[in-house]
């Protein structure tokens, strides 16, 4: 049974930074891509960033490109999302997810991910 636990969310002023962590357990973390998604109130869940198992393939949503950085530490079974220059529109619940299959690419579609964390709230005040 795969478990993903996010941490690091909180309240931050616009222009500030946060680093989210996603600790995984239950299967070989290093074989699967990891993704971050977010969902704001009244909106659908949207893709934020993804990283392949090796870190060689990384994708970002246009809205966060240049401000957010995804990374992973396979030895620690943890994925990270470093968020900088935060804006009020970044306010959302952030979820990490683990790919359903092994592969070389980092999927950007939520349908490609099998396991999800419970989410962590990020609130950016103006």
C-alpha atoms as a PDB file:
ATOM      1  CA  UNK A   1       0.000   0.000   0.000  1.00  0.00           C
ATOM      2  CA  UNK A   2       1.546   3.277  -1.147  1.00  0.00           C
ATOM      3  CA  UNK A   3       1.236   6.223   1.180  1.00  0.00           C
ATOM      4  CA  UNK A   4       2.126   9.808   0.336  1.00  0.00           C
ATOM      5  CA  UNK A   5       2.297  12.465   3.015  1.00  0.00           C
ATOM      6  CA  UNK A   6       2.686  16.134   2.126  1.00  0.00           C
ATOM      7  CA  UNK A   7       4.052  18.765   4.477  1.00  0.00           C
ATOM      8  CA  UNK A   8       5.355  22.307   4.365  1.00  0.00           C
ATOM      9  CA  UNK A   9       2.230  24.238   3.512  1.00  0.00           C
ATOM     10  CA  UNK A  10       1.150  27.342   5.359  1.00  0.00           C
ATOM     11  CA  UNK A  11       0.383  31.036   5.183  1.00  0.00           C
ATOM     12  CA  UNK A  12       2.858  33.280   3.399  1.00  0.00           C
ATOM     13  CA  UNK A  13       2.846  36.822   2.075  1.00  0.00           C
ATOM     14  CA  UNK A  14       2.948  37.513  -1.621  1.00  0.00           C
ATOM     15  CA  UNK A  15       6.506  37.337  -2.880  1.00  0.00           C
ATOM     16  CA  UNK A  16       7.465  34.811  -0.244  1.00  0.00           C
ATOM     17  CA  UNK A  17       8.631  31.220  -0.542  1.00  0.00           C
ATOM     18  CA  UNK A  18       7.670  27.786   0.722  1.00  0.00           C
ATOM     19  CA  UNK A  19       9.024  24.303   0.214  1.00  0.00           C
ATOM     20  CA  UNK A  20       6.595  21.423   0.116  1.00  0.00           C
ATOM     21  CA  UNK A  21       7.703  17.876   0.814  1.00  0.00           C
ATOM     22  CA  UNK A  22       6.076  14.597  -0.128  1.00  0.00           C
ATOM     23  CA  UNK A  23       7.252  11.543   1.788  1.00  0.00           C
ATOM     24  CA  UNK A  24       6.451   8.220   0.147  1.00  0.00           C
ATOM     25  CA  UNK A  25       6.273   4.683   1.460  1.00  0.00           C
ATOM     26  CA  UNK A  26       5.030   1.326   0.292  1.00  0.00           C
ATOM     27  CA  UNK A  27       6.900   0.548  -2.936  1.00  0.00           C
ATOM     28  CA  UNK A  28      10.092   1.357  -4.806  1.00  0.00           C
ATOM     29  CA  UNK A  29       9.872   5.130  -4.938  1.00  0.00           C
ATOM     30  CA  UNK A  30      12.828   5.492  -7.273  1.00  0.00           C
ATOM     31  CA  UNK A  31      11.026   3.727 -10.152  1.00  0.00           C
ATOM     32  CA  UNK A  32       8.099   6.133 -10.479  1.00  0.00           C
ATOM     33  CA  UNK A  33       7.534   9.669 -11.622  1.00  0.00           C
ATOM     34  CA  UNK A  34       6.115  12.129  -9.125  1.00  0.00           C
ATOM     35  CA  UNK A  35       3.773  15.012  -9.723  1.00  0.00           C
ATOM     36  CA  UNK A  36       2.383  18.002  -7.886  1.00  0.00           C
ATOM     37  CA  UNK A  37      -1.135  19.243  -8.486  1.00  0.00           C
ATOM     38  CA  UNK A  38      -3.239  21.909  -6.824  1.00  0.00           C
ATOM     39  CA  UNK A  39      -6.884  22.704  -6.340  1.00  0.00           C
ATOM     40  CA  UNK A  40      -8.244  26.114  -5.451  1.00  0.00           C
ATOM     41  CA  UNK A  41     -11.746  26.580  -4.007  1.00  0.00           C
ATOM     42  CA  UNK A  42     -14.372  26.195  -6.690  1.00  0.00           C
ATOM     43  CA  UNK A  43     -11.849  25.130  -9.300  1.00  0.00           C
ATOM     44  CA  UNK A  44     -10.744  21.858 -10.785  1.00  0.00           C
ATOM     45  CA  UNK A  45      -7.492  20.215  -9.804  1.00  0.00           C
ATOM     46  CA  UNK A  46      -4.677  21.398 -12.038  1.00  0.00           C
ATOM     47  CA  UNK A  47      -1.191  20.248 -12.893  1.00  0.00           C
ATOM     48  CA  UNK A  48       1.720  22.123 -11.310  1.00  0.00           C
ATOM     49  CA  UNK A  49       4.918  20.154 -11.871  1.00  0.00           C
ATOM     50  CA  UNK A  50       6.222  16.651 -12.499  1.00  0.00           C
ATOM     51  CA  UNK A  51       9.559  14.863 -12.378  1.00  0.00           C
ATOM     52  CA  UNK A  52      10.565  11.512 -13.818  1.00  0.00           C
ATOM     53  CA  UNK A  53      12.070   8.789 -11.674  1.00  0.00           C
ATOM     54  CA  UNK A  54      15.591   9.789 -12.677  1.00  0.00           C
ATOM     55  CA  UNK A  55      14.991  13.523 -12.653  1.00  0.00           C
ATOM     56  CA  UNK A  56      15.896  13.741 -16.329  1.00  0.00           C
ATOM     57  CA  UNK A  57      12.402  14.806 -17.409  1.00  0.00           C
ATOM     58  CA  UNK A  58      10.742  17.733 -15.652  1.00  0.00           C
ATOM     59  CA  UNK A  59       7.612  19.627 -16.616  1.00  0.00           C
ATOM     60  CA  UNK A  60       5.927  22.728 -15.237  1.00  0.00           C
ATOM     61  CA  UNK A  61       2.639  24.445 -15.771  1.00  0.00           C
ATOM     62  CA  UNK A  62       3.112  27.761 -17.549  1.00  0.00           C
ATOM     63  CA  UNK A  63       1.677  29.585 -14.555  1.00  0.00           C
ATOM     64  CA  UNK A  64       4.519  28.471 -12.267  1.00  0.00           C
ATOM     65  CA  UNK A  65       7.423  28.201 -14.690  1.00  0.00           C
ATOM     66  CA  UNK A  66      10.416  30.166 -13.441  1.00  0.00           C
ATOM     67  CA  UNK A  67       9.001  30.414  -9.916  1.00  0.00           C
ATOM     68  CA  UNK A  68       8.592  26.796  -8.801  1.00  0.00           C
ATOM     69  CA  UNK A  69      11.163  23.995  -8.813  1.00  0.00           C
ATOM     70  CA  UNK A  70      10.441  20.305  -8.417  1.00  0.00           C
ATOM     71  CA  UNK A  71      13.068  17.870  -7.191  1.00  0.00           C
ATOM     72  CA  UNK A  72      13.371  14.477  -5.586  1.00  0.00           C
ATOM     73  CA  UNK A  73      15.669  12.518  -3.320  1.00  0.00           C
ATOM     74  CA  UNK A  74      15.246   8.837  -4.117  1.00  0.00           C
ATOM     75  CA  UNK A  75      17.329   7.762  -1.135  1.00  0.00           C
ATOM     76  CA  UNK A  76      14.927   9.611   1.172  1.00  0.00           C
ATOM     77  CA  UNK A  77      11.849   8.623  -0.841  1.00  0.00           C
ATOM     78  CA  UNK A  78      10.811  12.251  -0.892  1.00  0.00           C
ATOM     79  CA  UNK A  79       9.735  14.690  -3.566  1.00  0.00           C
ATOM     80  CA  UNK A  80       9.897  18.444  -3.126  1.00  0.00           C
ATOM     81  CA  UNK A  81       8.292  21.521  -4.583  1.00  0.00           C
ATOM     82  CA  UNK A  82      10.160  24.741  -3.979  1.00  0.00           C
ATOM     83  CA  UNK A  83       7.815  27.693  -4.511  1.00  0.00           C
ATOM     84  CA  UNK A  84       9.172  31.223  -4.837  1.00  0.00           C
ATOM     85  CA  UNK A  85       7.709  34.607  -5.735  1.00  0.00           C
ATOM     86  CA  UNK A  86       4.360  33.346  -4.553  1.00  0.00           C
ATOM     87  CA  UNK A  87       1.209  35.098  -5.689  1.00  0.00           C
ATOM     88  CA  UNK A  88      -2.282  35.150  -4.180  1.00  0.00           C
ATOM     89  CA  UNK A  89      -3.476  33.080  -7.141  1.00  0.00           C
ATOM     90  CA  UNK A  90      -1.166  30.275  -5.986  1.00  0.00           C
ATOM     91  CA  UNK A  91      -3.464  29.765  -3.008  1.00  0.00           C
ATOM     92  CA  UNK A  92      -4.737  26.188  -3.127  1.00  0.00           C
ATOM     93  CA  UNK A  93      -4.485  22.753  -1.617  1.00  0.00           C
ATOM     94  CA  UNK A  94      -1.383  21.115  -3.052  1.00  0.00           C
ATOM     95  CA  UNK A  95      -1.294  17.392  -3.676  1.00  0.00           C
ATOM     96  CA  UNK A  96       1.578  15.122  -4.563  1.00  0.00           C
ATOM     97  CA  UNK A  97       0.971  12.026  -6.638  1.00  0.00           C
ATOM     98  CA  UNK A  98       2.886   8.950  -7.742  1.00  0.00           C
ATOM     99  CA  UNK A  99       2.771   7.592 -11.277  1.00  0.00           C
ATOM    100  CA  UNK A 100       0.839   4.398 -11.895  1.00  0.00           C
ATOM    101  CA  UNK A 101       3.549   2.864 -14.106  1.00  0.00           C
ATOM    102  CA  UNK A 102       7.292   3.054 -14.542  1.00  0.00           C
ATOM    103  CA  UNK A 103       8.651   5.023 -17.471  1.00  0.00           C
ATOM    104  CA  UNK A 104      11.118   7.627 -18.620  1.00  0.00           C
ATOM    105  CA  UNK A 105       8.754  10.589 -18.751  1.00  0.00           C
ATOM    106  CA  UNK A 106       7.008  12.738 -16.168  1.00  0.00           C
ATOM    107  CA  UNK A 107       3.268  12.745 -16.897  1.00  0.00           C
ATOM    108  CA  UNK A 108       1.329  15.982 -16.690  1.00  0.00           C
ATOM    109  CA  UNK A 109      -2.146  14.466 -16.665  1.00  0.00           C
ATOM    110  CA  UNK A 110      -3.716  13.556 -13.339  1.00  0.00           C
ATOM    111  CA  UNK A 111      -5.138  10.400 -14.924  1.00  0.00           C
ATOM    112  CA  UNK A 112      -1.602   8.993 -15.145  1.00  0.00           C
ATOM    113  CA  UNK A 113      -1.175   9.039 -11.389  1.00  0.00           C
ATOM    114  CA  UNK A 114      -2.401   6.255  -9.187  1.00  0.00           C
ATOM    115  CA  UNK A 115      -1.583   7.324  -5.649  1.00  0.00           C
ATOM    116  CA  UNK A 116      -2.317  10.660  -4.032  1.00  0.00           C
ATOM    117  CA  UNK A 117      -1.504  12.387  -0.793  1.00  0.00           C
ATOM    118  CA  UNK A 118      -4.055  14.068   1.425  1.00  0.00           C
ATOM    119  CA  UNK A 119      -2.948  17.559   0.415  1.00  0.00           C
ATOM    120  CA  UNK A 120      -1.424  20.527   2.183  1.00  0.00           C
ATOM    121  CA  UNK A 121      -2.903  24.018   2.232  1.00  0.00           C
ATOM    122  CA  UNK A 122      -0.931  26.920   0.812  1.00  0.00           C
ATOM    123  CA  UNK A 123      -2.355  30.377   1.378  1.00  0.00           C
ATOM    124  CA  UNK A 124      -0.709  33.457  -0.100  1.00  0.00           C
ATOM    125  CA  UNK A 125      -1.869  36.792   1.267  1.00  0.00           C
ATOM    126  CA  UNK A 126      -1.667  39.996  -0.722  1.00  0.00           C
END
